[in-house]
Amino acid sequence: MRGLRISLQFAAFITMFLFMACASTSTKFSTIWKDETYRVQPEKILVISTFQNPATRWTFEDELVRALKNRRIDAVMSYTVMPDMSAPVLVDKDAIAAKAKEVGADMVLINEPLGRTADVISGFDGTVYKGMYINTLTEVFDMKSNRLIMRVSAETWVRSGIPYTILVQSYVKDLVNKLSQLGLF
């Protein structure tokens, strides 16, 4: 009986490990630039995602704000104060600065998708997609000094069959961990 219980516990552990391994994204941070003179910790961050699909934007901003608040950093989703994120709003730095001031944010984090690439292998029966990669650029601005303080580009492997929200949660976790390692939080 004891052997059966240990076997079931071991099987549950292996299943959980495999699920976590399959559910996680594989994010590689390629280009990292940080203003080494910047030493201020943010009090409140305005999080902006520029994904064109509103559901994708909302999911990303929700997850990022949740991750920041778990680290005791106040943050606000841009879709609550900037519902129309058309291209003119994104290039209008004054409009973004005004919204940041309106919500009391001393920092703005903008995450922008740069495109997708596919890892393709050729099989005997035709082309096979090994995986899809989403490329993003995250820029962080200090609103008090009105300057860019950090730029991070990432390539994230998106595995098929994994629910979208789990992929976003995993990517956000990777991003927040990287920004923390770089001393932003």
Protein backbone atom coordinates (compact mmCIF):
# COMPACT_ATOMS: atom_id res chain seq x y z
CA MET A 1 0.00 0.00 0.00
CA ARG A 2 2.82 2.39 0.89
CA GLY A 3 4.53 1.61 -2.40
CA LEU A 4 1.36 2.44 -4.33
CA ARG A 5 1.01 5.79 -2.53
CA ILE A 6 4.63 6.70 -3.29
CA SER A 7 4.14 5.66 -6.93
CA LEU A 8 1.02 7.85 -7.20
CA GLN A 9 2.81 10.80 -5.62
CA PHE A 10 5.74 10.34 -7.99
CA ALA A 11 3.38 10.12 -10.99
CA ALA A 12 1.59 13.29 -9.86
CA PHE A 13 4.92 15.08 -9.48
CA ILE A 14 6.08 14.02 -12.96
CA THR A 15 2.73 15.05 -14.48
CA MET A 16 2.92 18.47 -12.80
CA PHE A 17 6.53 18.90 -13.95
CA LEU A 18 5.64 18.01 -17.55
CA PHE A 19 2.66 20.36 -17.53
CA MET A 20 4.78 23.23 -16.22
CA ALA A 21 7.50 22.52 -18.77
CA CYS A 22 4.99 22.47 -21.63
CA ALA A 23 3.04 25.47 -20.39
CA SER A 24 5.98 27.80 -20.06
CA THR A 25 7.28 30.02 -22.78
CA SER A 26 10.86 30.13 -23.71
CA THR A 27 11.80 33.80 -23.73
CA LYS A 28 15.21 34.97 -24.89
CA PHE A 29 16.13 38.56 -24.21
CA SER A 30 18.38 39.63 -27.05
CA THR A 31 18.94 43.37 -26.87
CA ILE A 32 19.16 44.96 -23.46
CA TRP A 33 19.97 48.60 -22.86
CA LYS A 34 19.77 50.34 -19.52
CA ASP A 35 20.62 53.87 -18.46
CA GLU A 36 23.18 53.01 -15.79
CA THR A 37 22.80 56.42 -14.15
CA TYR A 38 19.12 55.83 -13.35
CA ARG A 39 18.61 54.73 -9.73
CA VAL A 40 15.01 55.65 -8.85
CA GLN A 41 12.44 53.00 -7.94
CA PRO A 42 9.01 53.54 -9.53
CA GLU A 43 6.03 54.50 -7.41
CA LYS A 44 3.40 53.92 -10.09
CA ILE A 45 3.71 52.57 -13.63
CA LEU A 46 1.39 53.16 -16.57
CA VAL A 47 1.46 49.90 -18.57
CA ILE A 48 0.84 50.21 -22.30
CA SER A 49 0.59 47.29 -24.69
CA THR A 50 0.38 48.11 -28.37
CA PHE A 51 -1.07 44.80 -29.56
CA GLN A 52 -3.72 45.65 -32.17
CA ASN A 53 -6.16 43.01 -30.95
CA PRO A 54 -8.00 44.55 -27.97
CA ALA A 55 -8.35 41.19 -26.17
CA THR A 56 -4.61 40.56 -26.48
CA ARG A 57 -3.86 44.08 -25.24
CA TRP A 58 -6.19 43.72 -22.25
CA THR A 59 -4.85 40.29 -21.31
CA PHE A 60 -1.23 41.44 -21.48
CA GLU A 61 -1.86 44.64 -19.51
CA ASP A 62 -3.94 42.81 -16.88
CA GLU A 63 -1.23 40.18 -16.36
CA LEU A 64 1.60 42.69 -16.23
CA VAL A 65 -0.20 44.93 -13.74
CA ARG A 66 -1.03 41.86 -11.61
CA ALA A 67 2.64 40.77 -11.66
CA LEU A 68 3.81 44.26 -10.68
CA LYS A 69 1.28 44.54 -7.86
CA ASN A 70 2.46 41.13 -6.58
CA ARG A 71 5.85 42.86 -6.19
CA ARG A 72 4.16 45.74 -4.35
CA ILE A 73 4.52 48.14 -7.29
CA ASP A 74 1.46 50.20 -8.09
CA ALA A 75 0.47 50.06 -11.76
CA VAL A 76 -2.45 50.89 -14.02
CA MET A 77 -3.60 49.38 -17.31
CA SER A 78 -3.62 51.88 -20.16
CA TYR A 79 -6.85 50.50 -21.58
CA THR A 80 -8.69 51.92 -18.57
CA VAL A 81 -7.55 55.47 -19.37
CA MET A 82 -6.65 55.22 -23.08
CA PRO A 83 -9.24 52.93 -24.65
CA ASP A 84 -8.44 53.98 -28.24
CA MET A 85 -4.84 52.98 -28.89
CA SER A 86 -4.71 53.81 -32.58
CA ALA A 87 -1.36 54.63 -34.18
CA PRO A 88 -1.59 58.45 -33.70
CA VAL A 89 -1.91 58.05 -29.93
CA LEU A 90 1.19 55.86 -29.78
CA VAL A 91 3.44 58.39 -31.48
CA ASP A 92 2.03 61.32 -29.51
CA LYS A 93 4.44 61.35 -26.58
CA ASP A 94 2.68 64.40 -25.12
CA ALA A 95 -0.63 62.50 -24.96
CA ILE A 96 1.07 59.57 -23.21
CA ALA A 97 2.81 61.94 -20.79
CA ALA A 98 -0.49 63.69 -20.05
CA LYS A 99 -2.21 60.35 -19.28
CA ALA A 100 0.70 59.28 -17.09
CA LYS A 101 0.42 62.53 -15.15
CA GLU A 102 -3.38 62.17 -14.94
CA VAL A 103 -3.10 58.73 -13.27
CA GLY A 104 -0.11 59.74 -11.11
CA ALA A 105 2.40 57.48 -12.88
CA ASP A 106 6.05 58.37 -12.61
CA MET A 107 7.03 55.66 -15.11
CA VAL A 108 5.59 54.37 -18.39
CA LEU A 109 6.24 50.87 -19.69
CA ILE A 110 5.39 50.30 -23.36
CA ASN A 111 5.40 46.77 -24.78
CA GLU A 112 5.21 46.56 -28.55
CA PRO A 113 4.97 43.47 -30.76
CA LEU A 114 7.55 43.57 -33.55
CA GLY A 115 6.32 40.58 -35.52
CA ARG A 116 6.33 36.83 -35.69
CA THR A 117 8.74 34.30 -37.05
CA ALA A 118 8.34 30.59 -37.52
CA ASP A 119 10.95 27.94 -36.90
CA VAL A 120 10.46 25.71 -39.92
CA ILE A 121 11.92 22.29 -40.63
CA SER A 122 11.44 20.31 -43.81
CA GLY A 123 10.14 16.82 -43.41
CA PHE A 124 9.81 14.03 -45.96
CA ASP A 125 6.13 14.85 -46.42
CA GLY A 126 6.50 18.64 -46.62
CA THR A 127 7.16 21.63 -44.45
CA VAL A 128 6.61 21.30 -40.72
CA TYR A 129 6.43 24.18 -38.26
CA LYS A 130 8.51 23.46 -35.20
CA GLY A 131 7.37 26.56 -33.36
CA MET A 132 6.24 30.15 -33.58
CA TYR A 133 8.16 33.06 -32.10
CA ILE A 134 6.74 36.44 -31.14
CA ASN A 135 9.23 39.30 -31.06
CA THR A 136 8.58 42.22 -28.73
CA LEU A 137 10.22 45.44 -27.64
CA THR A 138 9.68 46.83 -24.14
CA GLU A 139 10.66 50.41 -23.41
CA VAL A 140 10.54 52.04 -19.99
CA PHE A 141 10.37 55.81 -19.60
CA ASP A 142 10.87 57.95 -16.51
CA MET A 143 8.24 60.67 -16.58
CA LYS A 144 9.95 63.02 -14.12
CA SER A 145 13.08 63.34 -16.25
CA ASN A 146 11.17 62.60 -19.49
CA ARG A 147 13.71 60.10 -20.78
CA LEU A 148 14.10 56.49 -21.86
CA ILE A 149 15.70 54.45 -19.07
CA MET A 150 15.49 50.91 -20.40
CA ARG A 151 14.94 49.01 -23.67
CA VAL A 152 14.60 45.22 -23.83
CA SER A 153 13.81 43.14 -26.88
CA ALA A 154 12.62 39.58 -26.54
CA GLU A 155 11.90 36.56 -28.65
CA THR A 156 9.31 34.24 -27.13
CA TRP A 157 8.67 30.71 -28.33
CA VAL A 158 4.94 30.04 -28.41
CA ARG A 159 4.09 26.37 -28.17
CA SER A 160 0.95 25.17 -29.89
CA GLY A 161 -1.79 23.63 -27.81
CA ILE A 162 -1.08 25.79 -24.76
CA PRO A 163 -3.91 28.14 -23.72
CA TYR A 164 -3.20 31.74 -24.63
CA THR A 165 -3.60 33.10 -21.11
CA ILE A 166 -0.99 30.66 -19.78
CA LEU A 167 1.44 31.76 -22.49
CA VAL A 168 0.89 35.44 -21.63
CA GLN A 169 1.30 34.74 -17.89
CA SER A 170 4.56 32.93 -18.53
CA TYR A 171 5.90 35.68 -20.81
CA VAL A 172 4.95 38.39 -18.32
CA LYS A 173 6.67 36.46 -15.53
CA ASP A 174 9.84 36.23 -17.67
CA LEU A 175 9.67 39.93 -18.51
CA VAL A 176 9.10 41.11 -14.92
CA ASN A 177 11.92 38.85 -13.70
CA LYS A 178 14.28 40.28 -16.34
CA LEU A 179 13.35 43.89 -15.52
CA SER A 180 13.86 43.11 -11.84
CA GLN A 181 17.27 41.53 -12.52
CA LEU A 182 18.21 44.70 -14.38
CA GLY A 183 17.42 46.71 -11.25
CA LEU A 184 14.20 48.41 -12.34
CA PHE A 185 12.22 47.16 -9.32
